[in-house]
All heavy atoms as atom14 arrays in JSON, in Angstrom:
{
  "sequence": "FTSGLYVGVVGDLSYYWVCTALPTEVQILNELYATENAIGLIGRME",
  "atom14_mask": [
    [1, 1, 1, 1, 1, 1, 1, 1, 1, 1, 1, 0, 0, 0],
    [1, 1, 1, 1, 1, 1, 1, 0, 0, 0, 0, 0, 0, 0],
    [1, 1, 1, 1, 1, 1, 0, 0, 0, 0, 0, 0, 0, 0],
    [1, 1, 1, 1, 0, 0, 0, 0, 0, 0, 0, 0, 0, 0],
    [1, 1, 1, 1, 1, 1, 1, 1, 0, 0, 0, 0, 0, 0],
    [1, 1, 1, 1, 1, 1, 1, 1, 1, 1, 1, 1, 0, 0],
    [1, 1, 1, 1, 1, 1, 1, 0, 0, 0, 0, 0, 0, 0],
    [1, 1, 1, 1, 0, 0, 0, 0, 0, 0, 0, 0, 0, 0],
    [1, 1, 1, 1, 1, 1, 1, 0, 0, 0, 0, 0, 0, 0],
    [1, 1, 1, 1, 1, 1, 1, 0, 0, 0, 0, 0, 0, 0],
    [1, 1, 1, 1, 0, 0, 0, 0, 0, 0, 0, 0, 0, 0],
    [1, 1, 1, 1, 1, 1, 1, 1, 0, 0, 0, 0, 0, 0],
    [1, 1, 1, 1, 1, 1, 1, 1, 0, 0, 0, 0, 0, 0],
    [1, 1, 1, 1, 1, 1, 0, 0, 0, 0, 0, 0, 0, 0],
    [1, 1, 1, 1, 1, 1, 1, 1, 1, 1, 1, 1, 0, 0],
    [1, 1, 1, 1, 1, 1, 1, 1, 1, 1, 1, 1, 0, 0],
    [1, 1, 1, 1, 1, 1, 1, 1, 1, 1, 1, 1, 1, 1],
    [1, 1, 1, 1, 1, 1, 1, 0, 0, 0, 0, 0, 0, 0],
    [1, 1, 1, 1, 1, 1, 0, 0, 0, 0, 0, 0, 0, 0],
    [1, 1, 1, 1, 1, 1, 1, 0, 0, 0, 0, 0, 0, 0],
    [1, 1, 1, 1, 1, 0, 0, 0, 0, 0, 0, 0, 0, 0],
    [1, 1, 1, 1, 1, 1, 1, 1, 0, 0, 0, 0, 0, 0],
    [1, 1, 1, 1, 1, 1, 1, 0, 0, 0, 0, 0, 0, 0],
    [1, 1, 1, 1, 1, 1, 1, 0, 0, 0, 0, 0, 0, 0],
    [1, 1, 1, 1, 1, 1, 1, 1, 1, 0, 0, 0, 0, 0],
    [1, 1, 1, 1, 1, 1, 1, 0, 0, 0, 0, 0, 0, 0],
    [1, 1, 1, 1, 1, 1, 1, 1, 1, 0, 0, 0, 0, 0],
    [1, 1, 1, 1, 1, 1, 1, 1, 0, 0, 0, 0, 0, 0],
    [1, 1, 1, 1, 1, 1, 1, 1, 0, 0, 0, 0, 0, 0],
    [1, 1, 1, 1, 1, 1, 1, 1, 0, 0, 0, 0, 0, 0],
    [1, 1, 1, 1, 1, 1, 1, 1, 1, 0, 0, 0, 0, 0],
    [1, 1, 1, 1, 1, 1, 1, 1, 0, 0, 0, 0, 0, 0],
    [1, 1, 1, 1, 1, 1, 1, 1, 1, 1, 1, 1, 0, 0],
    [1, 1, 1, 1, 1, 0, 0, 0, 0, 0, 0, 0, 0, 0],
    [1, 1, 1, 1, 1, 1, 1, 0, 0, 0, 0, 0, 0, 0],
    [1, 1, 1, 1, 1, 1, 1, 1, 1, 0, 0, 0, 0, 0],
    [1, 1, 1, 1, 1, 1, 1, 1, 0, 0, 0, 0, 0, 0],
    [1, 1, 1, 1, 1, 0, 0, 0, 0, 0, 0, 0, 0, 0],
    [1, 1, 1, 1, 1, 1, 1, 1, 0, 0, 0, 0, 0, 0],
    [1, 1, 1, 1, 0, 0, 0, 0, 0, 0, 0, 0, 0, 0],
    [1, 1, 1, 1, 1, 1, 1, 1, 0, 0, 0, 0, 0, 0],
    [1, 1, 1, 1, 1, 1, 1, 1, 0, 0, 0, 0, 0, 0],
    [1, 1, 1, 1, 0, 0, 0, 0, 0, 0, 0, 0, 0, 0],
    [1, 1, 1, 1, 1, 1, 1, 1, 1, 1, 1, 0, 0, 0],
    [1, 1, 1, 1, 1, 1, 1, 1, 0, 0, 0, 0, 0, 0],
    [1, 1, 1, 1, 1, 1, 1, 1, 1, 0, 0, 0, 0, 0]
  ],
  "atom14_positions": [
    [[0.84, -1.19, 0.0], [0.0, 0.0, 0.0], [0.88, 1.24, 0.0], [1.24, 1.76, 1.04], [-0.96, -0.03, 1.18], [-1.95, -1.15, 1.08], [-1.83, -2.28, 1.86], [-3.0, -1.07, 0.18], [-2.74, -3.32, 1.75], [-3.92, -2.11, 0.06], [-3.78, -3.23, 0.85], [0.0, 0.0, 0.0], [0.0, 0.0, 0.0], [0.0, 0.0, 0.0]],
    [[1.21, 1.7, -1.2], [2.02, 2.88, -1.4], [1.15, 3.95, -2.04], [0.35, 3.65, -2.93], [3.21, 2.56, -2.33], [3.9, 1.43, -1.81], [4.16, 3.72, -2.43], [0.0, 0.0, 0.0], [0.0, 0.0, 0.0], [0.0, 0.0, 0.0], [0.0, 0.0, 0.0], [0.0, 0.0, 0.0], [0.0, 0.0, 0.0], [0.0, 0.0, 0.0]],
    [[1.29, 5.18, -1.62], [0.46, 6.24, -2.18], [0.69, 6.35, -3.68], [1.8, 6.17, -4.18], [0.74, 7.57, -1.49], [2.06, 7.98, -1.75], [0.0, 0.0, 0.0], [0.0, 0.0, 0.0], [0.0, 0.0, 0.0], [0.0, 0.0, 0.0], [0.0, 0.0, 0.0], [0.0, 0.0, 0.0], [0.0, 0.0, 0.0], [0.0, 0.0, 0.0]],
    [[-0.39, 6.63, -4.38], [-0.32, 6.78, -5.83], [-0.6, 5.49, -6.6], [-0.7, 5.53, -7.83], [0.0, 0.0, 0.0], [0.0, 0.0, 0.0], [0.0, 0.0, 0.0], [0.0, 0.0, 0.0], [0.0, 0.0, 0.0], [0.0, 0.0, 0.0], [0.0, 0.0, 0.0], [0.0, 0.0, 0.0], [0.0, 0.0, 0.0], [0.0, 0.0, 0.0]],
    [[-0.74, 4.34, -5.92], [-1.01, 3.07, -6.6], [-2.51, 2.8, -6.67], [-3.26, 3.16, -5.77], [-0.35, 1.9, -5.86], [1.15, 1.77, -5.92], [1.59, 0.53, -5.14], [1.62, 1.65, -7.36], [0.0, 0.0, 0.0], [0.0, 0.0, 0.0], [0.0, 0.0, 0.0], [0.0, 0.0, 0.0], [0.0, 0.0, 0.0], [0.0, 0.0, 0.0]],
    [[-2.94, 2.17, -7.76], [-4.32, 1.71, -7.87], [-4.43, 0.39, -7.13], [-3.63, -0.52, -7.32], [-4.72, 1.53, -9.33], [-4.82, 2.84, -10.08], [-3.83, 3.22, -10.96], [-5.89, 3.69, -9.88], [-3.91, 4.43, -11.64], [-5.99, 4.89, -10.55], [-4.99, 5.25, -11.43], [-5.09, 6.44, -12.1], [0.0, 0.0, 0.0], [0.0, 0.0, 0.0]],
    [[-5.43, 0.27, -6.26], [-5.57, -0.94, -5.45], [-6.92, -1.63, -5.63], [-7.17, -2.65, -5.01], [-5.35, -0.63, -3.95], [-3.92, -0.2, -3.7], [-6.34, 0.41, -3.46], [0.0, 0.0, 0.0], [0.0, 0.0, 0.0], [0.0, 0.0, 0.0], [0.0, 0.0, 0.0], [0.0, 0.0, 0.0], [0.0, 0.0, 0.0], [0.0, 0.0, 0.0]],
    [[-7.76, -1.11, -6.46], [-9.05, -1.74, -6.64], [-9.85, -1.12, -7.77], [-9.48, -0.09, -8.32], [0.0, 0.0, 0.0], [0.0, 0.0, 0.0], [0.0, 0.0, 0.0], [0.0, 0.0, 0.0], [0.0, 0.0, 0.0], [0.0, 0.0, 0.0], [0.0, 0.0, 0.0], [0.0, 0.0, 0.0], [0.0, 0.0, 0.0], [0.0, 0.0, 0.0]],
    [[-10.95, -1.79, -8.09], [-11.88, -1.32, -9.12], [-13.28, -1.51, -8.59], [-13.6, -2.54, -8.01], [-11.71, -2.12, -10.43], [-12.76, -1.73, -11.45], [-10.34, -1.94, -11.01], [0.0, 0.0, 0.0], [0.0, 0.0, 0.0], [0.0, 0.0, 0.0], [0.0, 0.0, 0.0], [0.0, 0.0, 0.0], [0.0, 0.0, 0.0], [0.0, 0.0, 0.0]],
    [[-14.12, -0.52, -8.78], [-15.53, -0.63, -8.47], [-16.26, -0.56, -9.8], [-16.0, 0.34, -10.6], [-16.0, 0.53, -7.55], [-17.49, 0.45, -7.3], [-15.22, 0.53, -6.26], [0.0, 0.0, 0.0], [0.0, 0.0, 0.0], [0.0, 0.0, 0.0], [0.0, 0.0, 0.0], [0.0, 0.0, 0.0], [0.0, 0.0, 0.0], [0.0, 0.0, 0.0]],
    [[-17.12, -1.54, -10.04], [-17.79, -1.5, -11.33], [-18.85, -2.58, -11.49], [-19.02, -3.45, -10.66], [0.0, 0.0, 0.0], [0.0, 0.0, 0.0], [0.0, 0.0, 0.0], [0.0, 0.0, 0.0], [0.0, 0.0, 0.0], [0.0, 0.0, 0.0], [0.0, 0.0, 0.0], [0.0, 0.0, 0.0], [0.0, 0.0, 0.0], [0.0, 0.0, 0.0]],
    [[-19.54, -2.49, -12.59], [-20.57, -3.45, -12.97], [-19.97, -4.4, -14.0], [-19.76, -4.02, -15.15], [-21.77, -2.7, -13.55], [-22.93, -3.61, -13.89], [-22.76, -4.85, -13.85], [-24.01, -3.08, -14.2], [0.0, 0.0, 0.0], [0.0, 0.0, 0.0], [0.0, 0.0, 0.0], [0.0, 0.0, 0.0], [0.0, 0.0, 0.0], [0.0, 0.0, 0.0]],
    [[-19.68, -5.64, -13.58], [-19.0, -6.58, -14.47], [-19.86, -7.03, -15.66], [-19.34, -7.65, -16.58], [-18.52, -7.8, -13.68], [-17.39, -7.52, -12.7], [-17.02, -8.77, -11.94], [-16.18, -6.96, -13.42], [0.0, 0.0, 0.0], [0.0, 0.0, 0.0], [0.0, 0.0, 0.0], [0.0, 0.0, 0.0], [0.0, 0.0, 0.0], [0.0, 0.0, 0.0]],
    [[-21.14, -6.68, -15.67], [-21.94, -7.02, -16.86], [-21.52, -6.16, -18.05], [-21.86, -6.46, -19.19], [-23.43, -6.84, -16.57], [-23.73, -5.48, -16.36], [0.0, 0.0, 0.0], [0.0, 0.0, 0.0], [0.0, 0.0, 0.0], [0.0, 0.0, 0.0], [0.0, 0.0, 0.0], [0.0, 0.0, 0.0], [0.0, 0.0, 0.0], [0.0, 0.0, 0.0]],
    [[-20.77, -5.08, -17.79], [-20.24, -4.24, -18.86], [-18.78, -4.56, -19.19], [-18.08, -3.75, -19.78], [-20.38, -2.76, -18.51], [-21.81, -2.31, -18.49], [-22.48, -2.12, -17.29], [-22.5, -2.09, -19.68], [-23.81, -1.72, -17.28], [-23.82, -1.7, -19.67], [-24.47, -1.52, -18.47], [-25.78, -1.12, -18.47], [0.0, 0.0, 0.0], [0.0, 0.0, 0.0]],
    [[-18.32, -5.72, -18.77], [-16.98, -6.2, -19.12], [-17.16, -7.46, -19.93], [-17.7, -8.45, -19.44], [-16.15, -6.48, -17.87], [-14.7, -6.75, -18.17], [-13.78, -5.71, -18.22], [-14.23, -8.04, -18.42], [-12.45, -5.94, -18.5], [-12.91, -8.27, -18.71], [-12.02, -7.23, -18.74], [-10.7, -7.46, -19.04], [0.0, 0.0, 0.0], [0.0, 0.0, 0.0]],
    [[-16.8, -7.43, -21.18], [-17.0, -8.57, -22.06], [-15.7, -9.35, -22.25], [-14.63, -8.76, -22.41], [-17.49, -8.11, -23.42], [-18.93, -7.67, -23.43], [-19.78, -7.58, -22.36], [-19.68, -7.26, -24.56], [-21.0, -7.13, -22.76], [-20.97, -6.93, -24.11], [-19.39, -7.14, -25.9], [-21.96, -6.49, -24.97], [-20.38, -6.69, -26.75], [-21.65, -6.38, -26.28]],
    [[-15.83, -10.65, -22.27], [-14.72, -11.56, -22.56], [-15.08, -12.3, -23.84], [-16.17, -12.85, -23.96], [-14.5, -12.56, -21.41], [-13.39, -13.53, -21.75], [-14.17, -11.82, -20.12], [0.0, 0.0, 0.0], [0.0, 0.0, 0.0], [0.0, 0.0, 0.0], [0.0, 0.0, 0.0], [0.0, 0.0, 0.0], [0.0, 0.0, 0.0], [0.0, 0.0, 0.0]],
    [[-14.17, -12.26, -24.82], [-14.43, -12.86, -26.13], [-13.3, -13.8, -26.51], [-12.15, -13.58, -26.18], [-14.54, -11.78, -27.2], [-15.82, -10.58, -26.87], [0.0, 0.0, 0.0], [0.0, 0.0, 0.0], [0.0, 0.0, 0.0], [0.0, 0.0, 0.0], [0.0, 0.0, 0.0], [0.0, 0.0, 0.0], [0.0, 0.0, 0.0], [0.0, 0.0, 0.0]],
    [[-13.66, -14.84, -27.25], [-12.66, -15.74, -27.81], [-12.53, -15.43, -29.29], [-13.53, -15.23, -29.98], [-13.04, -17.22, -27.62], [-14.33, -17.44, -28.18], [-13.07, -17.58, -26.15], [0.0, 0.0, 0.0], [0.0, 0.0, 0.0], [0.0, 0.0, 0.0], [0.0, 0.0, 0.0], [0.0, 0.0, 0.0], [0.0, 0.0, 0.0], [0.0, 0.0, 0.0]],
    [[-11.3, -15.37, -29.78], [-11.07, -15.01, -31.18], [-11.05, -16.24, -32.08], [-11.49, -16.18, -33.22], [-9.75, -14.25, -31.31], [0.0, 0.0, 0.0], [0.0, 0.0, 0.0], [0.0, 0.0, 0.0], [0.0, 0.0, 0.0], [0.0, 0.0, 0.0], [0.0, 0.0, 0.0], [0.0, 0.0, 0.0], [0.0, 0.0, 0.0], [0.0, 0.0, 0.0]],
    [[-10.5, -17.32, -31.59], [-10.38, -18.54, -32.37], [-10.94, -19.71, -31.57], [-10.99, -19.65, -30.34], [-8.91, -18.82, -32.7], [-8.19, -17.75, -33.52], [-6.7, -18.07, -33.57], [-8.76, -17.69, -34.92], [0.0, 0.0, 0.0], [0.0, 0.0, 0.0], [0.0, 0.0, 0.0], [0.0, 0.0, 0.0], [0.0, 0.0, 0.0], [0.0, 0.0, 0.0]],
    [[-11.32, -20.79, -32.23], [-11.78, -21.95, -31.47], [-10.63, -22.57, -30.67], [-9.46, -22.43, -31.02], [-12.27, -22.93, -32.54], [-11.72, -22.44, -33.82], [-11.43, -20.99, -33.67], [0.0, 0.0, 0.0], [0.0, 0.0, 0.0], [0.0, 0.0, 0.0], [0.0, 0.0, 0.0], [0.0, 0.0, 0.0], [0.0, 0.0, 0.0], [0.0, 0.0, 0.0]],
    [[-10.98, -23.23, -29.58], [-9.98, -23.89, -28.75], [-9.4, -25.08, -29.51], [-10.13, -25.84, -30.13], [-10.62, -24.37, -27.44], [-11.18, -23.24, -26.79], [-9.61, -25.03, -26.54], [0.0, 0.0, 0.0], [0.0, 0.0, 0.0], [0.0, 0.0, 0.0], [0.0, 0.0, 0.0], [0.0, 0.0, 0.0], [0.0, 0.0, 0.0], [0.0, 0.0, 0.0]],
    [[-8.08, -25.2, -29.49], [-7.41, -26.31, -30.16], [-6.67, -27.16, -29.13], [-6.06, -26.63, -28.21], [-6.39, -25.79, -31.18], [-6.97, -24.94, -32.28], [-5.9, -24.35, -33.17], [-4.7, -24.53, -32.88], [-6.26, -23.69, -34.15], [0.0, 0.0, 0.0], [0.0, 0.0, 0.0], [0.0, 0.0, 0.0], [0.0, 0.0, 0.0], [0.0, 0.0, 0.0]],
    [[-6.74, -28.48, -29.29], [-5.99, -29.39, -28.44], [-5.18, -30.31, -29.35], [-5.73, -30.95, -30.25], [-6.92, -30.23, -27.54], [-6.12, -31.22, -26.72], [-7.73, -29.32, -26.64], [0.0, 0.0, 0.0], [0.0, 0.0, 0.0], [0.0, 0.0, 0.0], [0.0, 0.0, 0.0], [0.0, 0.0, 0.0], [0.0, 0.0, 0.0], [0.0, 0.0, 0.0]],
    [[-3.89, -30.35, -29.13], [-2.99, -31.21, -29.9], [-2.57, -32.37, -29.0], [-2.15, -32.17, -27.86], [-1.76, -30.42, -30.35], [-0.8, -31.22, -31.2], [0.4, -30.38, -31.63], [0.54, -29.22, -31.26], [1.27, -30.99, -32.4], [0.0, 0.0, 0.0], [0.0, 0.0, 0.0], [0.0, 0.0, 0.0], [0.0, 0.0, 0.0], [0.0, 0.0, 0.0]],
    [[-2.71, -33.6, -29.52], [-2.36, -34.8, -28.76], [-0.98, -35.26, -29.2], [-0.72, -35.44, -30.38], [-3.4, -35.91, -28.99], [-4.78, -35.41, -28.56], [-3.01, -37.17, -28.22], [-5.91, -36.34, -28.91], [0.0, 0.0, 0.0], [0.0, 0.0, 0.0], [0.0, 0.0, 0.0], [0.0, 0.0, 0.0], [0.0, 0.0, 0.0], [0.0, 0.0, 0.0]],
    [[-0.08, -35.43, -28.23], [1.3, -35.84, -28.51], [1.47, -37.31, -28.14], [1.96, -37.64, -27.06], [2.27, -34.96, -27.72], [2.08, -33.45, -27.9], [2.98, -32.7, -26.93], [2.36, -33.04, -29.32], [0.0, 0.0, 0.0], [0.0, 0.0, 0.0], [0.0, 0.0, 0.0], [0.0, 0.0, 0.0], [0.0, 0.0, 0.0], [0.0, 0.0, 0.0]],
    [[1.06, -38.22, -29.02], [1.16, -39.65, -28.75], [2.6, -40.14, -28.7], [2.98, -40.88, -27.79], [0.4, -40.46, -29.82], [-1.09, -40.28, -29.71], [-1.62, -40.2, -28.61], [-1.75, -40.2, -30.85], [0.0, 0.0, 0.0], [0.0, 0.0, 0.0], [0.0, 0.0, 0.0], [0.0, 0.0, 0.0], [0.0, 0.0, 0.0], [0.0, 0.0, 0.0]],
    [[3.4, -39.76, -29.68], [4.74, -40.32, -29.82], [5.74, -39.76, -28.81], [6.67, -40.44, -28.41], [5.28, -40.07, -31.24], [4.51, -40.81, -32.33], [3.24, -40.09, -32.75], [3.08, -38.89, -32.42], [2.39, -40.72, -33.4], [0.0, 0.0, 0.0], [0.0, 0.0, 0.0], [0.0, 0.0, 0.0], [0.0, 0.0, 0.0], [0.0, 0.0, 0.0]],
    [[5.58, -38.53, -28.39], [6.56, -37.88, -27.53], [6.76, -38.62, -26.21], [7.88, -38.74, -25.73], [6.14, -36.43, -27.27], [7.13, -35.57, -26.5], [8.46, -35.47, -27.25], [6.55, -34.19, -26.27], [0.0, 0.0, 0.0], [0.0, 0.0, 0.0], [0.0, 0.0, 0.0], [0.0, 0.0, 0.0], [0.0, 0.0, 0.0], [0.0, 0.0, 0.0]],
    [[5.7, -39.13, -25.64], [5.78, -39.81, -24.35], [5.5, -41.31, -24.46], [5.12, -41.95, -23.48], [4.8, -39.16, -23.36], [5.07, -37.7, -23.15], [4.26, -36.73, -23.73], [6.13, -37.28, -22.37], [4.5, -35.38, -23.53], [6.4, -35.94, -22.18], [5.57, -34.99, -22.76], [5.83, -33.66, -22.56], [0.0, 0.0, 0.0], [0.0, 0.0, 0.0]],
    [[5.68, -41.9, -25.62], [5.38, -43.32, -25.84], [6.21, -44.23, -24.96], [5.72, -45.26, -24.48], [5.59, -43.68, -27.32], [0.0, 0.0, 0.0], [0.0, 0.0, 0.0], [0.0, 0.0, 0.0], [0.0, 0.0, 0.0], [0.0, 0.0, 0.0], [0.0, 0.0, 0.0], [0.0, 0.0, 0.0], [0.0, 0.0, 0.0], [0.0, 0.0, 0.0]],
    [[7.46, -43.89, -24.71], [8.31, -44.75, -23.88], [7.87, -44.75, -22.41], [8.2, -45.67, -21.67], [9.78, -44.28, -23.95], [9.85, -42.93, -23.51], [10.31, -44.41, -25.36], [0.0, 0.0, 0.0], [0.0, 0.0, 0.0], [0.0, 0.0, 0.0], [0.0, 0.0, 0.0], [0.0, 0.0, 0.0], [0.0, 0.0, 0.0], [0.0, 0.0, 0.0]],
    [[7.11, -43.74, -22.01], [6.62, -43.66, -20.63], [5.17, -44.11, -20.52], [4.56, -44.0, -19.45], [6.75, -42.23, -20.13], [8.19, -41.73, -20.15], [8.28, -40.23, -20.0], [7.25, -39.59, -19.69], [9.38, -39.69, -20.21], [0.0, 0.0, 0.0], [0.0, 0.0, 0.0], [0.0, 0.0, 0.0], [0.0, 0.0, 0.0], [0.0, 0.0, 0.0]],
    [[4.59, -44.61, -21.62], [3.19, -45.04, -21.69], [2.25, -43.9, -21.24], [1.36, -44.09, -20.43], [2.96, -46.29, -20.84], [1.65, -46.97, -21.2], [1.16, -46.81, -22.32], [1.1, -47.73, -20.28], [0.0, 0.0, 0.0], [0.0, 0.0, 0.0], [0.0, 0.0, 0.0], [0.0, 0.0, 0.0], [0.0, 0.0, 0.0], [0.0, 0.0, 0.0]],
    [[2.52, -42.71, -21.76], [1.73, -41.53, -21.42], [1.4, -40.75, -22.69], [1.95, -41.0, -23.76], [2.5, -40.64, -20.45], [0.0, 0.0, 0.0], [0.0, 0.0, 0.0], [0.0, 0.0, 0.0], [0.0, 0.0, 0.0], [0.0, 0.0, 0.0], [0.0, 0.0, 0.0], [0.0, 0.0, 0.0], [0.0, 0.0, 0.0], [0.0, 0.0, 0.0]],
    [[0.46, -39.84, -22.57], [0.04, -38.98, -23.68], [0.2, -37.53, -23.24], [-0.2, -37.16, -22.13], [-1.43, -39.24, -24.07], [-1.6, -40.67, -24.56], [-1.89, -38.26, -25.13], [-3.03, -41.06, -24.82], [0.0, 0.0, 0.0], [0.0, 0.0, 0.0], [0.0, 0.0, 0.0], [0.0, 0.0, 0.0], [0.0, 0.0, 0.0], [0.0, 0.0, 0.0]],
    [[0.77, -36.71, -24.09], [0.9, -35.27, -23.81], [-0.18, -34.5, -24.53], [-0.63, -34.89, -25.61], [0.0, 0.0, 0.0], [0.0, 0.0, 0.0], [0.0, 0.0, 0.0], [0.0, 0.0, 0.0], [0.0, 0.0, 0.0], [0.0, 0.0, 0.0], [0.0, 0.0, 0.0], [0.0, 0.0, 0.0], [0.0, 0.0, 0.0], [0.0, 0.0, 0.0]],
    [[-0.61, -33.42, -23.94], [-1.62, -32.56, -24.54], [-1.13, -31.11, -24.54], [-0.54, -30.66, -23.56], [-2.93, -32.62, -23.76], [-3.6, -33.99, -23.64], [-4.77, -33.91, -22.69], [-4.07, -34.46, -25.0], [0.0, 0.0, 0.0], [0.0, 0.0, 0.0], [0.0, 0.0, 0.0], [0.0, 0.0, 0.0], [0.0, 0.0, 0.0], [0.0, 0.0, 0.0]],
    [[-1.37, -30.41, -25.63], [-1.1, -28.98, -25.72], [-2.42, -28.3, -26.08], [-3.05, -28.66, -27.08], [-0.03, -28.65, -26.79], [1.31, -29.28, -26.42], [0.11, -27.14, -26.95], [2.38, -29.07, -27.48], [0.0, 0.0, 0.0], [0.0, 0.0, 0.0], [0.0, 0.0, 0.0], [0.0, 0.0, 0.0], [0.0, 0.0, 0.0], [0.0, 0.0, 0.0]],
    [[-2.82, -27.33, -25.28], [-4.06, -26.6, -25.55], [-3.76, -25.17, -25.95], [-2.83, -24.55, -25.42], [0.0, 0.0, 0.0], [0.0, 0.0, 0.0], [0.0, 0.0, 0.0], [0.0, 0.0, 0.0], [0.0, 0.0, 0.0], [0.0, 0.0, 0.0], [0.0, 0.0, 0.0], [0.0, 0.0, 0.0], [0.0, 0.0, 0.0], [0.0, 0.0, 0.0]],
    [[-4.52, -24.66, -26.89], [-4.36, -23.28, -27.34], [-5.73, -22.6, -27.41], [-6.69, -23.18, -27.91], [-3.72, -23.23, -28.73], [-2.29, -23.72, -28.76], [-1.72, -23.61, -30.18], [-0.37, -24.08, -30.23], [-0.01, -25.33, -30.51], [-0.94, -26.23, -30.77], [1.26, -25.68, -30.53], [0.0, 0.0, 0.0], [0.0, 0.0, 0.0], [0.0, 0.0, 0.0]],
    [[-5.77, -21.38, -26.9], [-7.01, -20.61, -26.93], [-6.66, -19.13, -26.91], [-5.78, -18.71, -26.15], [-7.87, -20.97, -25.71], [-9.2, -20.34, -25.68], [-10.1, -20.97, -24.23], [-11.69, -20.29, -24.55], [0.0, 0.0, 0.0], [0.0, 0.0, 0.0], [0.0, 0.0, 0.0], [0.0, 0.0, 0.0], [0.0, 0.0, 0.0], [0.0, 0.0, 0.0]],
    [[-7.3, -18.35, -27.74], [-7.05, -16.91, -27.78], [-8.26, -16.19, -27.19], [-9.37, -16.27, -27.71], [-6.83, -16.47, -29.23], [-6.28, -15.08, -29.34], [-5.88, -14.74, -30.77], [-5.3, -15.59, -31.45], [-6.15, -13.6, -31.18], [0.0, 0.0, 0.0], [0.0, 0.0, 0.0], [0.0, 0.0, 0.0], [0.0, 0.0, 0.0], [0.0, 0.0, 0.0]]
  ]
}
């Protein structure tokens, strides 16, 4: 708590919009972890 810093927001969150630009993508990495009998996943979302 230092003077001059913003420490909060008062507002109506119905006026704050969250949007996705692209569809969610999930890439399955079967071969990368095959020796460990595991599957890797990479997720991407904008």
